[in-house]
Amino acid sequence: MNPSSVEFLLARKSPPIAELSEPAPSDDDIATMIRIASRVPDHGRLAPWRFVLYRGEARKRIGERLAELAEQREGPLPEARRQQELTRFSRAPIVIGVISTPRENPKIPQWEMFLSGGAAAMNLVHAAHALGYAANWITNWYSYDAEARQMLGLAPDERVIGFVHIGTHSGEVFERPRPDPATLLAEYTGPQQSE
């Protein structure tokens, strides 16, 4: 057992996206993160996920388009809400979309492929933290909106697993309440008897 790995996993926390700042991961660090993110259970070796990197000025253009889409759906936005939409992708130095790319397979169900993508997203978060950065995985309304997904580079049959915002964080991260592990584990004692 590697105690430092266990301590790392037990201590991992995601800071608020607004607290992520430069420096951003280098291209080499991003490549390493994607290699780590891809090392997940993948029944049938289908790689039913992919990654999209959002950085630079593209993040601001995305925000402008998201604000437009939100106004089309909700009507005029209050200024604070408009600013929120404008900065959705520009609060952190980079954002990596983890995208579900379903494959047709007679033996492997779609939900299992989606779970593999979730594992890839979690590995991406762990990779960012292991390389000395910080990350926060979210979805939000634009993950479920067909027009927004298309604008973000997804094909019609693809879905968002998550957007992982990555940057540098200094300072402490608030520890949120966590479930009691003792309440989450049950030992199997055989099939339940029907009355």
N, C-alpha and C. Protein backbone atom coordinates (compact mmCIF):
# COMPACT_ATOMS: atom_id res chain seq x y z
N MET A 1 0.85 -1.18 0.00
CA MET A 1 0.00 0.00 0.00
C MET A 1 0.89 1.24 0.00
N ASN A 2 0.52 2.22 -0.80
CA ASN A 2 1.25 3.47 -0.86
C ASN A 2 0.49 4.50 -0.02
N PRO A 3 0.99 4.79 1.21
CA PRO A 3 0.25 5.70 2.09
C PRO A 3 0.00 7.07 1.46
N SER A 4 0.95 7.56 0.67
CA SER A 4 0.74 8.89 0.10
C SER A 4 -0.43 8.89 -0.89
N SER A 5 -0.61 7.79 -1.63
CA SER A 5 -1.75 7.70 -2.56
C SER A 5 -3.06 7.65 -1.79
N VAL A 6 -3.10 6.90 -0.71
CA VAL A 6 -4.31 6.81 0.10
C VAL A 6 -4.63 8.17 0.71
N GLU A 7 -3.64 8.84 1.25
CA GLU A 7 -3.85 10.17 1.84
C GLU A 7 -4.34 11.15 0.79
N PHE A 8 -3.76 11.08 -0.42
CA PHE A 8 -4.18 11.94 -1.52
C PHE A 8 -5.65 11.74 -1.84
N LEU A 9 -6.07 10.48 -1.96
CA LEU A 9 -7.46 10.19 -2.31
C LEU A 9 -8.42 10.58 -1.19
N LEU A 10 -8.01 10.38 0.05
CA LEU A 10 -8.87 10.75 1.18
C LEU A 10 -9.01 12.26 1.34
N ALA A 11 -8.05 13.01 0.85
CA ALA A 11 -8.04 14.46 1.06
C ALA A 11 -8.56 15.25 -0.14
N ARG A 12 -8.81 14.60 -1.28
CA ARG A 12 -9.19 15.34 -2.48
C ARG A 12 -10.47 16.14 -2.27
N LYS A 13 -10.42 17.42 -2.64
CA LYS A 13 -11.59 18.31 -2.57
C LYS A 13 -11.56 19.19 -3.81
N SER A 14 -12.71 19.61 -4.26
CA SER A 14 -12.79 20.51 -5.41
C SER A 14 -13.08 21.93 -4.95
N PRO A 15 -12.18 22.87 -5.28
CA PRO A 15 -12.45 24.26 -4.92
C PRO A 15 -13.53 24.85 -5.83
N PRO A 16 -14.14 25.94 -5.42
CA PRO A 16 -15.09 26.62 -6.31
C PRO A 16 -14.41 27.04 -7.60
N ILE A 17 -15.13 26.94 -8.71
CA ILE A 17 -14.54 27.26 -10.01
C ILE A 17 -14.00 28.69 -10.03
N ALA A 18 -14.71 29.62 -9.41
CA ALA A 18 -14.27 31.02 -9.42
C ALA A 18 -12.93 31.23 -8.74
N GLU A 19 -12.47 30.26 -7.95
CA GLU A 19 -11.18 30.38 -7.27
C GLU A 19 -10.03 29.72 -8.05
N LEU A 20 -10.33 29.17 -9.22
CA LEU A 20 -9.29 28.57 -10.05
C LEU A 20 -8.67 29.66 -10.91
N SER A 21 -7.34 29.72 -10.95
CA SER A 21 -6.66 30.80 -11.68
C SER A 21 -5.48 30.25 -12.45
N GLU A 22 -4.79 31.14 -13.15
CA GLU A 22 -3.54 30.78 -13.83
C GLU A 22 -2.50 30.45 -12.78
N PRO A 23 -1.50 29.65 -13.09
CA PRO A 23 -1.24 29.11 -14.42
C PRO A 23 -2.12 27.92 -14.76
N ALA A 24 -2.40 27.82 -16.05
CA ALA A 24 -3.14 26.68 -16.58
C ALA A 24 -2.18 25.52 -16.79
N PRO A 25 -2.70 24.33 -16.88
CA PRO A 25 -1.84 23.19 -17.24
C PRO A 25 -1.18 23.42 -18.60
N SER A 26 0.04 22.96 -18.73
CA SER A 26 0.75 23.02 -20.01
C SER A 26 0.17 21.98 -20.96
N ASP A 27 0.53 22.05 -22.22
CA ASP A 27 0.07 21.04 -23.17
C ASP A 27 0.54 19.65 -22.76
N ASP A 28 1.76 19.55 -22.24
CA ASP A 28 2.26 18.24 -21.78
C ASP A 28 1.43 17.73 -20.61
N ASP A 29 1.09 18.64 -19.66
CA ASP A 29 0.27 18.23 -18.52
C ASP A 29 -1.13 17.81 -18.98
N ILE A 30 -1.69 18.53 -19.94
CA ILE A 30 -3.02 18.16 -20.46
C ILE A 30 -2.95 16.77 -21.10
N ALA A 31 -1.90 16.52 -21.87
CA ALA A 31 -1.75 15.20 -22.50
C ALA A 31 -1.65 14.10 -21.45
N THR A 32 -0.92 14.37 -20.37
CA THR A 32 -0.80 13.39 -19.29
C THR A 32 -2.16 13.17 -18.62
N MET A 33 -2.91 14.24 -18.39
CA MET A 33 -4.23 14.11 -17.79
C MET A 33 -5.14 13.23 -18.65
N ILE A 34 -5.10 13.42 -19.95
CA ILE A 34 -5.96 12.63 -20.83
C ILE A 34 -5.52 11.17 -20.84
N ARG A 35 -4.22 10.91 -20.80
CA ARG A 35 -3.73 9.53 -20.71
C ARG A 35 -4.25 8.86 -19.43
N ILE A 36 -4.18 9.59 -18.31
CA ILE A 36 -4.67 9.05 -17.04
C ILE A 36 -6.19 8.87 -17.08
N ALA A 37 -6.89 9.86 -17.62
CA ALA A 37 -8.36 9.80 -17.68
C ALA A 37 -8.83 8.60 -18.49
N SER A 38 -8.04 8.20 -19.46
CA SER A 38 -8.44 7.10 -20.35
C SER A 38 -8.18 5.71 -19.77
N ARG A 39 -7.51 5.64 -18.63
CA ARG A 39 -7.20 4.34 -18.02
C ARG A 39 -8.33 3.96 -17.05
N VAL A 40 -9.44 3.57 -17.64
CA VAL A 40 -10.63 3.24 -16.84
C VAL A 40 -11.22 1.92 -17.31
N PRO A 41 -12.08 1.30 -16.50
CA PRO A 41 -12.79 0.12 -16.97
C PRO A 41 -13.56 0.47 -18.25
N ASP A 42 -13.44 -0.39 -19.25
CA ASP A 42 -14.06 -0.13 -20.56
C ASP A 42 -14.40 -1.48 -21.19
N HIS A 43 -15.54 -2.01 -20.78
CA HIS A 43 -15.99 -3.32 -21.26
C HIS A 43 -16.04 -3.33 -22.79
N GLY A 44 -15.31 -4.24 -23.41
CA GLY A 44 -15.29 -4.34 -24.86
C GLY A 44 -14.27 -3.43 -25.52
N ARG A 45 -13.52 -2.68 -24.73
CA ARG A 45 -12.52 -1.73 -25.26
C ARG A 45 -13.13 -0.84 -26.35
N LEU A 46 -14.27 -0.24 -26.03
CA LEU A 46 -15.00 0.59 -26.99
C LEU A 46 -14.60 2.06 -26.95
N ALA A 47 -13.94 2.49 -25.87
CA ALA A 47 -13.64 3.91 -25.66
C ALA A 47 -14.88 4.76 -25.97
N PRO A 48 -15.97 4.56 -25.21
CA PRO A 48 -17.23 5.25 -25.50
C PRO A 48 -17.29 6.66 -24.92
N TRP A 49 -16.19 7.38 -25.01
CA TRP A 49 -16.08 8.74 -24.50
C TRP A 49 -14.94 9.43 -25.25
N ARG A 50 -14.98 10.74 -25.21
CA ARG A 50 -13.91 11.55 -25.79
C ARG A 50 -13.80 12.82 -24.97
N PHE A 51 -12.81 13.64 -25.28
CA PHE A 51 -12.54 14.85 -24.51
C PHE A 51 -12.49 16.04 -25.45
N VAL A 52 -13.02 17.17 -24.99
CA VAL A 52 -12.96 18.42 -25.76
C VAL A 52 -12.32 19.47 -24.87
N LEU A 53 -11.27 20.11 -25.39
CA LEU A 53 -10.54 21.14 -24.65
C LEU A 53 -11.07 22.52 -25.04
N TYR A 54 -11.49 23.28 -24.04
CA TYR A 54 -11.96 24.65 -24.24
C TYR A 54 -10.97 25.57 -23.55
N ARG A 55 -10.33 26.47 -24.30
CA ARG A 55 -9.39 27.40 -23.70
C ARG A 55 -9.28 28.66 -24.55
N GLY A 56 -8.57 29.65 -24.03
CA GLY A 56 -8.35 30.89 -24.77
C GLY A 56 -9.64 31.65 -25.02
N GLU A 57 -9.68 32.36 -26.13
CA GLU A 57 -10.81 33.21 -26.49
C GLU A 57 -12.08 32.40 -26.75
N ALA A 58 -11.93 31.15 -27.11
CA ALA A 58 -13.12 30.31 -27.37
C ALA A 58 -14.04 30.28 -26.16
N ARG A 59 -13.46 30.34 -24.95
CA ARG A 59 -14.28 30.29 -23.74
C ARG A 59 -15.21 31.50 -23.64
N LYS A 60 -14.72 32.66 -24.08
CA LYS A 60 -15.55 33.87 -24.04
C LYS A 60 -16.65 33.81 -25.10
N ARG A 61 -16.33 33.29 -26.28
CA ARG A 61 -17.35 33.15 -27.33
C ARG A 61 -18.44 32.19 -26.88
N ILE A 62 -18.05 31.12 -26.20
CA ILE A 62 -19.05 30.18 -25.66
C ILE A 62 -19.97 30.91 -24.70
N GLY A 63 -19.41 31.72 -23.81
CA GLY A 63 -20.22 32.47 -22.86
C GLY A 63 -21.22 33.39 -23.54
N GLU A 64 -20.78 34.06 -24.60
CA GLU A 64 -21.69 34.96 -25.34
C GLU A 64 -22.85 34.17 -25.93
N ARG A 65 -22.53 33.00 -26.49
CA ARG A 65 -23.58 32.18 -27.10
C ARG A 65 -24.51 31.59 -26.04
N LEU A 66 -23.95 31.18 -24.89
CA LEU A 66 -24.81 30.66 -23.81
C LEU A 66 -25.75 31.73 -23.29
N ALA A 67 -25.27 32.96 -23.17
CA ALA A 67 -26.14 34.06 -22.73
C ALA A 67 -27.28 34.27 -23.72
N GLU A 68 -26.97 34.20 -25.02
CA GLU A 68 -28.00 34.34 -26.05
C GLU A 68 -29.03 33.21 -25.93
N LEU A 69 -28.55 31.99 -25.79
CA LEU A 69 -29.47 30.85 -25.68
C LEU A 69 -30.34 30.96 -24.44
N ALA A 70 -29.75 31.37 -23.33
CA ALA A 70 -30.52 31.51 -22.09
C ALA A 70 -31.61 32.56 -22.26
N GLU A 71 -31.31 33.66 -22.94
CA GLU A 71 -32.31 34.71 -23.16
C GLU A 71 -33.40 34.23 -24.12
N GLN A 72 -33.03 33.43 -25.10
CA GLN A 72 -34.05 32.88 -26.00
C GLN A 72 -35.03 32.01 -25.24
N ARG A 73 -34.55 31.30 -24.23
CA ARG A 73 -35.39 30.37 -23.50
C ARG A 73 -36.14 31.03 -22.34
N GLU A 74 -35.55 32.05 -21.73
CA GLU A 74 -36.11 32.62 -20.51
C GLU A 74 -36.57 34.07 -20.64
N GLY A 75 -36.23 34.72 -21.75
CA GLY A 75 -36.50 36.14 -21.87
C GLY A 75 -35.32 36.94 -21.34
N PRO A 76 -35.45 38.26 -21.26
CA PRO A 76 -34.33 39.08 -20.81
C PRO A 76 -33.80 38.63 -19.44
N LEU A 77 -32.50 38.52 -19.35
CA LEU A 77 -31.86 38.06 -18.11
C LEU A 77 -31.47 39.24 -17.23
N PRO A 78 -31.63 39.13 -15.93
CA PRO A 78 -31.06 40.15 -15.03
C PRO A 78 -29.54 40.21 -15.26
N GLU A 79 -28.95 41.36 -15.02
CA GLU A 79 -27.52 41.54 -15.32
C GLU A 79 -26.63 40.51 -14.63
N ALA A 80 -26.92 40.19 -13.38
CA ALA A 80 -26.09 39.21 -12.67
C ALA A 80 -26.17 37.85 -13.34
N ARG A 81 -27.36 37.46 -13.78
CA ARG A 81 -27.52 36.17 -14.45
C ARG A 81 -26.83 36.20 -15.81
N ARG A 82 -26.93 37.31 -16.52
CA ARG A 82 -26.26 37.44 -17.82
C ARG A 82 -24.75 37.29 -17.64
N GLN A 83 -24.18 37.92 -16.63
CA GLN A 83 -22.74 37.80 -16.36
C GLN A 83 -22.37 36.36 -16.03
N GLN A 84 -23.25 35.69 -15.31
CA GLN A 84 -23.01 34.29 -14.98
C GLN A 84 -22.88 33.45 -16.24
N GLU A 85 -23.80 33.66 -17.20
CA GLU A 85 -23.74 32.91 -18.45
C GLU A 85 -22.51 33.29 -19.27
N LEU A 86 -22.17 34.57 -19.30
CA LEU A 86 -21.02 35.03 -20.09
C LEU A 86 -19.71 34.41 -19.61
N THR A 87 -19.65 34.08 -18.32
CA THR A 87 -18.39 33.58 -17.77
C THR A 87 -18.41 32.08 -17.46
N ARG A 88 -19.39 31.37 -17.95
CA ARG A 88 -19.51 29.93 -17.65
C ARG A 88 -18.22 29.16 -17.94
N PHE A 89 -17.56 29.48 -19.05
CA PHE A 89 -16.38 28.73 -19.45
C PHE A 89 -15.09 29.52 -19.29
N SER A 90 -15.16 30.73 -18.77
CA SER A 90 -13.94 31.54 -18.66
C SER A 90 -13.52 31.80 -17.22
N ARG A 91 -14.17 31.16 -16.27
CA ARG A 91 -13.77 31.35 -14.87
C ARG A 91 -12.48 30.63 -14.55
N ALA A 92 -12.27 29.47 -15.13
CA ALA A 92 -11.04 28.70 -14.92
C ALA A 92 -10.18 28.82 -16.18
N PRO A 93 -8.87 28.61 -16.07
CA PRO A 93 -8.01 28.73 -17.24
C PRO A 93 -8.35 27.78 -18.39
N ILE A 94 -8.73 26.55 -18.07
CA ILE A 94 -9.18 25.63 -19.11
C ILE A 94 -10.39 24.85 -18.61
N VAL A 95 -11.14 24.34 -19.57
CA VAL A 95 -12.24 23.44 -19.29
C VAL A 95 -12.08 22.26 -20.24
N ILE A 96 -12.22 21.06 -19.71
CA ILE A 96 -12.19 19.86 -20.55
C ILE A 96 -13.55 19.18 -20.44
N GLY A 97 -14.22 19.08 -21.58
CA GLY A 97 -15.49 18.38 -21.63
C GLY A 97 -15.24 16.88 -21.76
N VAL A 98 -15.93 16.11 -20.94
CA VAL A 98 -15.90 14.66 -21.05
C VAL A 98 -17.22 14.26 -21.69
N ILE A 99 -17.12 13.68 -22.88
CA ILE A 99 -18.29 13.48 -23.72
C ILE A 99 -18.56 11.99 -23.91
N SER A 100 -19.80 11.59 -23.70
CA SER A 100 -20.23 10.22 -23.94
C SER A 100 -20.45 10.03 -25.44
N THR A 101 -19.77 9.04 -26.02
CA THR A 101 -19.90 8.73 -27.44
C THR A 101 -20.40 7.29 -27.56
N PRO A 102 -21.71 7.13 -27.51
CA PRO A 102 -22.27 5.76 -27.47
C PRO A 102 -21.88 4.95 -28.70
N ARG A 103 -21.63 3.67 -28.48
CA ARG A 103 -21.30 2.74 -29.55
C ARG A 103 -22.40 1.67 -29.60
N GLU A 104 -22.65 1.17 -30.79
CA GLU A 104 -23.61 0.06 -30.92
C GLU A 104 -22.87 -1.22 -30.60
N ASN A 105 -23.40 -1.98 -29.65
CA ASN A 105 -22.80 -3.24 -29.29
C ASN A 105 -23.90 -4.16 -28.76
N PRO A 106 -24.00 -5.38 -29.29
CA PRO A 106 -25.10 -6.25 -28.87
C PRO A 106 -24.96 -6.78 -27.45
N LYS A 107 -23.75 -6.71 -26.87
CA LYS A 107 -23.53 -7.28 -25.54
C LYS A 107 -23.37 -6.25 -24.44
N ILE A 108 -23.02 -5.03 -24.79
CA ILE A 108 -22.68 -4.04 -23.77
C ILE A 108 -23.73 -2.94 -23.76
N PRO A 109 -24.47 -2.78 -22.65
CA PRO A 109 -25.53 -1.77 -22.61
C PRO A 109 -24.98 -0.35 -22.58
N GLN A 110 -25.79 0.59 -23.04
CA GLN A 110 -25.39 1.99 -23.10
C GLN A 110 -25.05 2.54 -21.70
N TRP A 111 -25.81 2.11 -20.69
CA TRP A 111 -25.56 2.66 -19.36
C TRP A 111 -24.17 2.28 -18.88
N GLU A 112 -23.69 1.10 -19.28
CA GLU A 112 -22.35 0.69 -18.87
C GLU A 112 -21.30 1.56 -19.55
N MET A 113 -21.55 1.95 -20.79
CA MET A 113 -20.63 2.85 -21.50
C MET A 113 -20.61 4.22 -20.82
N PHE A 114 -21.79 4.68 -20.39
CA PHE A 114 -21.86 5.98 -19.73
C PHE A 114 -21.10 5.93 -18.39
N LEU A 115 -21.22 4.81 -17.68
CA LEU A 115 -20.46 4.66 -16.43
C LEU A 115 -18.96 4.71 -16.69
N SER A 116 -18.50 4.13 -17.78
CA SER A 116 -17.09 4.18 -18.14
C SER A 116 -16.66 5.64 -18.35
N GLY A 117 -17.53 6.42 -18.97
CA GLY A 117 -17.24 7.85 -19.16
C GLY A 117 -17.18 8.60 -17.84
N GLY A 118 -18.04 8.21 -16.89
CA GLY A 118 -17.98 8.83 -15.57
C GLY A 118 -16.67 8.52 -14.88
N ALA A 119 -16.19 7.29 -15.06
CA ALA A 119 -14.89 6.93 -14.50
C ALA A 119 -13.78 7.76 -15.15
N ALA A 120 -13.89 8.01 -16.45
CA ALA A 120 -12.90 8.84 -17.14
C ALA A 120 -12.91 10.26 -16.58
N ALA A 121 -14.09 10.80 -16.31
CA ALA A 121 -14.18 12.15 -15.74
C ALA A 121 -13.55 12.21 -14.36
N MET A 122 -13.81 11.18 -13.53
CA MET A 122 -13.22 11.18 -12.19
C MET A 122 -11.72 11.02 -12.26
N ASN A 123 -11.23 10.18 -13.19
CA ASN A 123 -9.79 10.05 -13.36
C ASN A 123 -9.17 11.37 -13.81
N LEU A 124 -9.88 12.12 -14.63
CA LEU A 124 -9.39 13.43 -15.07
C LEU A 124 -9.25 14.37 -13.88
N VAL A 125 -10.23 14.38 -13.00
CA VAL A 125 -10.16 15.21 -11.79
C VAL A 125 -8.97 14.79 -10.94
N HIS A 126 -8.81 13.48 -10.72
CA HIS A 126 -7.67 12.99 -9.93
C HIS A 126 -6.35 13.36 -10.58
N ALA A 127 -6.27 13.24 -11.91
CA ALA A 127 -5.04 13.56 -12.63
C ALA A 127 -4.67 15.02 -12.45
N ALA A 128 -5.65 15.91 -12.56
CA ALA A 128 -5.37 17.34 -12.39
C ALA A 128 -4.81 17.61 -11.00
N HIS A 129 -5.43 17.04 -9.99
CA HIS A 129 -4.97 17.25 -8.61
C HIS A 129 -3.59 16.63 -8.39
N ALA A 130 -3.35 15.44 -8.97
CA ALA A 130 -2.06 14.77 -8.80
C ALA A 130 -0.93 15.56 -9.44
N LEU A 131 -1.23 16.33 -10.49
CA LEU A 131 -0.22 17.14 -11.16
C LEU A 131 -0.05 18.51 -10.51
N GLY A 132 -0.75 18.74 -9.41
CA GLY A 132 -0.58 20.00 -8.68
C GLY A 132 -1.57 21.09 -9.03
N TYR A 133 -2.56 20.76 -9.85
CA TYR A 133 -3.61 21.72 -10.19
C TYR A 133 -4.84 21.41 -9.33
N ALA A 134 -5.92 22.09 -9.60
CA ALA A 134 -7.18 21.80 -8.93
C ALA A 134 -8.27 21.74 -9.99
N ALA A 135 -9.32 20.99 -9.71
CA ALA A 135 -10.37 20.78 -10.71
C ALA A 135 -11.73 20.70 -10.05
N ASN A 136 -12.74 21.05 -10.82
CA ASN A 136 -14.12 20.98 -10.38
C ASN A 136 -14.95 20.46 -11.54
N TRP A 137 -15.70 19.38 -11.31
CA TRP A 137 -16.51 18.71 -12.35
C TRP A 137 -17.96 19.13 -12.17
N ILE A 138 -18.54 19.72 -13.23
CA ILE A 138 -19.94 20.13 -13.19
C ILE A 138 -20.64 19.73 -14.50
N THR A 139 -21.96 19.90 -14.54
CA THR A 139 -22.71 19.76 -15.79
C THR A 139 -23.38 21.10 -16.11
N ASN A 140 -24.51 21.39 -15.53
CA ASN A 140 -25.27 22.62 -15.70
C ASN A 140 -26.25 22.51 -16.87
N TRP A 141 -27.10 23.53 -17.04
CA TRP A 141 -28.23 23.45 -17.96
C TRP A 141 -27.82 23.20 -19.40
N TYR A 142 -26.70 23.74 -19.83
CA TYR A 142 -26.28 23.61 -21.22
C TYR A 142 -25.86 22.19 -21.56
N SER A 143 -25.64 21.36 -20.56
CA SER A 143 -25.33 19.95 -20.82
C SER A 143 -26.55 19.19 -21.33
N TYR A 144 -27.74 19.71 -21.03
CA TYR A 144 -28.98 19.01 -21.35
C TYR A 144 -29.75 19.68 -22.49
N ASP A 145 -29.19 20.73 -23.05
CA ASP A 145 -29.84 21.50 -24.10
C ASP A 145 -29.22 21.11 -25.44
N ALA A 146 -30.05 20.62 -26.38
CA ALA A 146 -29.53 20.11 -27.65
C ALA A 146 -28.77 21.18 -28.43
N GLU A 147 -29.30 22.40 -28.49
CA GLU A 147 -28.63 23.46 -29.24
C GLU A 147 -27.30 23.85 -28.58
N ALA A 148 -27.29 23.91 -27.27
CA ALA A 148 -26.06 24.23 -26.56
C ALA A 148 -25.02 23.13 -26.77
N ARG A 149 -25.45 21.87 -26.71
CA ARG A 149 -24.50 20.78 -26.93
C ARG A 149 -23.89 20.86 -28.32
N GLN A 150 -24.69 21.17 -29.31
CA GLN A 150 -24.17 21.30 -30.67
C GLN A 150 -23.15 22.44 -30.74
N MET A 151 -23.48 23.57 -30.13
CA MET A 151 -22.57 24.71 -30.11
C MET A 151 -21.25 24.36 -29.42
N LEU A 152 -21.30 23.46 -28.44
CA LEU A 152 -20.11 23.06 -27.70
C LEU A 152 -19.32 21.95 -28.38
N GLY A 153 -19.76 21.55 -29.59
CA GLY A 153 -18.99 20.60 -30.38
C GLY A 153 -19.44 19.16 -30.30
N LEU A 154 -20.63 18.91 -29.75
CA LEU A 154 -21.12 17.54 -29.63
C LEU A 154 -21.97 17.15 -30.84
N ALA A 155 -21.91 15.89 -31.21
CA ALA A 155 -22.79 15.33 -32.23
C ALA A 155 -24.16 15.08 -31.62
N PRO A 156 -25.20 14.94 -32.45
CA PRO A 156 -26.55 14.76 -31.90
C PRO A 156 -26.71 13.57 -30.96
N ASP A 157 -25.95 12.49 -31.18
CA ASP A 157 -26.10 11.31 -30.31
C ASP A 157 -25.17 11.34 -29.11
N GLU A 158 -24.36 12.37 -28.97
CA GLU A 158 -23.44 12.47 -27.84
C GLU A 158 -24.08 13.22 -26.68
N ARG A 159 -23.63 12.91 -25.47
CA ARG A 159 -24.11 13.57 -24.27
C ARG A 159 -22.93 14.00 -23.41
N VAL A 160 -23.18 14.99 -22.58
CA VAL A 160 -22.15 15.50 -21.68
C VAL A 160 -22.10 14.62 -20.44
N ILE A 161 -20.91 14.13 -20.13
CA ILE A 161 -20.68 13.47 -18.84
C ILE A 161 -20.33 14.52 -17.82
N GLY A 162 -19.53 15.49 -18.22
CA GLY A 162 -19.19 16.58 -17.32
C GLY A 162 -18.21 17.54 -17.97
N PHE A 163 -18.17 18.74 -17.42
CA PHE A 163 -17.17 19.73 -17.79
C PHE A 163 -16.25 19.88 -16.60
N VAL A 164 -14.96 19.59 -16.80
CA VAL A 164 -13.99 19.65 -15.73
C VAL A 164 -13.20 20.94 -15.88
N HIS A 165 -13.42 21.86 -14.94
CA HIS A 165 -12.74 23.16 -14.93
C HIS A 165 -11.42 22.97 -14.16
N ILE A 166 -10.33 23.40 -14.78
CA ILE A 166 -9.00 23.13 -14.22
C ILE A 166 -8.17 24.40 -14.17
N GLY A 167 -7.47 24.58 -13.06
CA GLY A 167 -6.55 25.71 -12.90
C GLY A 167 -5.71 25.51 -11.67
N THR A 168 -5.16 26.60 -11.19
CA THR A 168 -4.33 26.58 -9.99
C THR A 168 -5.14 27.16 -8.85
N HIS A 169 -4.98 26.57 -7.67
CA HIS A 169 -5.70 27.05 -6.50
C HIS A 169 -4.74 27.19 -5.33
N SER A 170 -4.84 28.30 -4.65
CA SER A 170 -4.04 28.47 -3.44
C SER A 170 -5.00 28.69 -2.28
N GLY A 171 -4.59 28.28 -1.12
CA GLY A 171 -5.47 28.44 0.04
C GLY A 171 -6.20 27.16 0.35
N GLU A 172 -7.06 27.24 1.33
CA GLU A 172 -7.79 26.08 1.80
C GLU A 172 -9.11 25.92 1.04
N VAL A 173 -9.56 24.69 0.96
CA VAL A 173 -10.86 24.40 0.37
C VAL A 173 -11.77 23.91 1.48
N PHE A 174 -12.95 24.48 1.56
CA PHE A 174 -13.93 24.10 2.58
C PHE A 174 -14.26 22.63 2.45
N GLU A 175 -14.25 21.92 3.55
CA GLU A 175 -14.62 20.49 3.56
C GLU A 175 -16.13 20.37 3.69
N ARG A 176 -16.77 19.89 2.65
CA ARG A 176 -18.22 19.73 2.70
C ARG A 176 -18.56 18.47 3.48
N PRO A 177 -19.78 18.38 3.98
CA PRO A 177 -20.18 17.16 4.67
C PRO A 177 -20.11 15.96 3.73
N ARG A 178 -19.59 14.87 4.23
CA ARG A 178 -19.47 13.65 3.44
C ARG A 178 -20.34 12.57 4.09
N PRO A 179 -20.80 11.60 3.31
CA PRO A 179 -21.59 10.52 3.91
C PRO A 179 -20.73 9.68 4.85
N ASP A 180 -21.36 9.09 5.82
CA ASP A 180 -20.66 8.21 6.75
C ASP A 180 -20.43 6.88 6.05
N PRO A 181 -19.16 6.51 5.78
CA PRO A 181 -18.89 5.26 5.05
C PRO A 181 -19.50 4.03 5.72
N ALA A 182 -19.63 4.06 7.04
CA ALA A 182 -20.20 2.90 7.75
C ALA A 182 -21.64 2.63 7.35
N THR A 183 -22.34 3.66 6.88
CA THR A 183 -23.74 3.49 6.48
C THR A 183 -23.88 3.07 5.01
N LEU A 184 -22.77 3.00 4.28
CA LEU A 184 -22.82 2.74 2.85
C LEU A 184 -22.48 1.30 2.47
N LEU A 185 -21.94 0.55 3.41
CA LEU A 185 -21.49 -0.81 3.11
C LEU A 185 -22.35 -1.82 3.83
N ALA A 186 -22.85 -2.80 3.09
CA ALA A 186 -23.59 -3.91 3.67
C ALA A 186 -22.95 -5.19 3.19
N GLU A 187 -22.84 -6.15 4.06
CA GLU A 187 -22.28 -7.44 3.67
C GLU A 187 -23.39 -8.35 3.21
N TYR A 188 -23.19 -8.99 2.08
CA TYR A 188 -24.19 -9.90 1.51
C TYR A 188 -24.31 -11.14 2.38
N THR A 189 -25.52 -11.50 2.72
CA THR A 189 -25.75 -12.68 3.58
C THR A 189 -26.67 -13.69 2.90
N GLY A 190 -26.86 -13.54 1.61
CA GLY A 190 -27.71 -14.47 0.88
C GLY A 190 -28.98 -13.77 0.39
N PRO A 191 -29.73 -14.47 -0.45
CA PRO A 191 -30.96 -13.85 -0.97
C PRO A 191 -31.97 -13.58 0.14
N GLN A 192 -32.72 -12.51 -0.06
CA GLN A 192 -33.77 -12.18 0.91
C GLN A 192 -34.88 -13.22 0.80
N GLN A 193 -35.39 -13.63 1.95
CA GLN A 193 -36.49 -14.59 1.97
C GLN A 193 -37.80 -13.85 1.79
N SER A 194 -38.62 -14.37 0.90
CA SER A 194 -39.94 -13.76 0.75
C SER A 194 -40.86 -14.27 1.84
N GLU A 195 -41.79 -13.42 2.21
CA GLU A 195 -42.71 -13.78 3.31
C GLU A 195 -43.76 -14.75 2.81
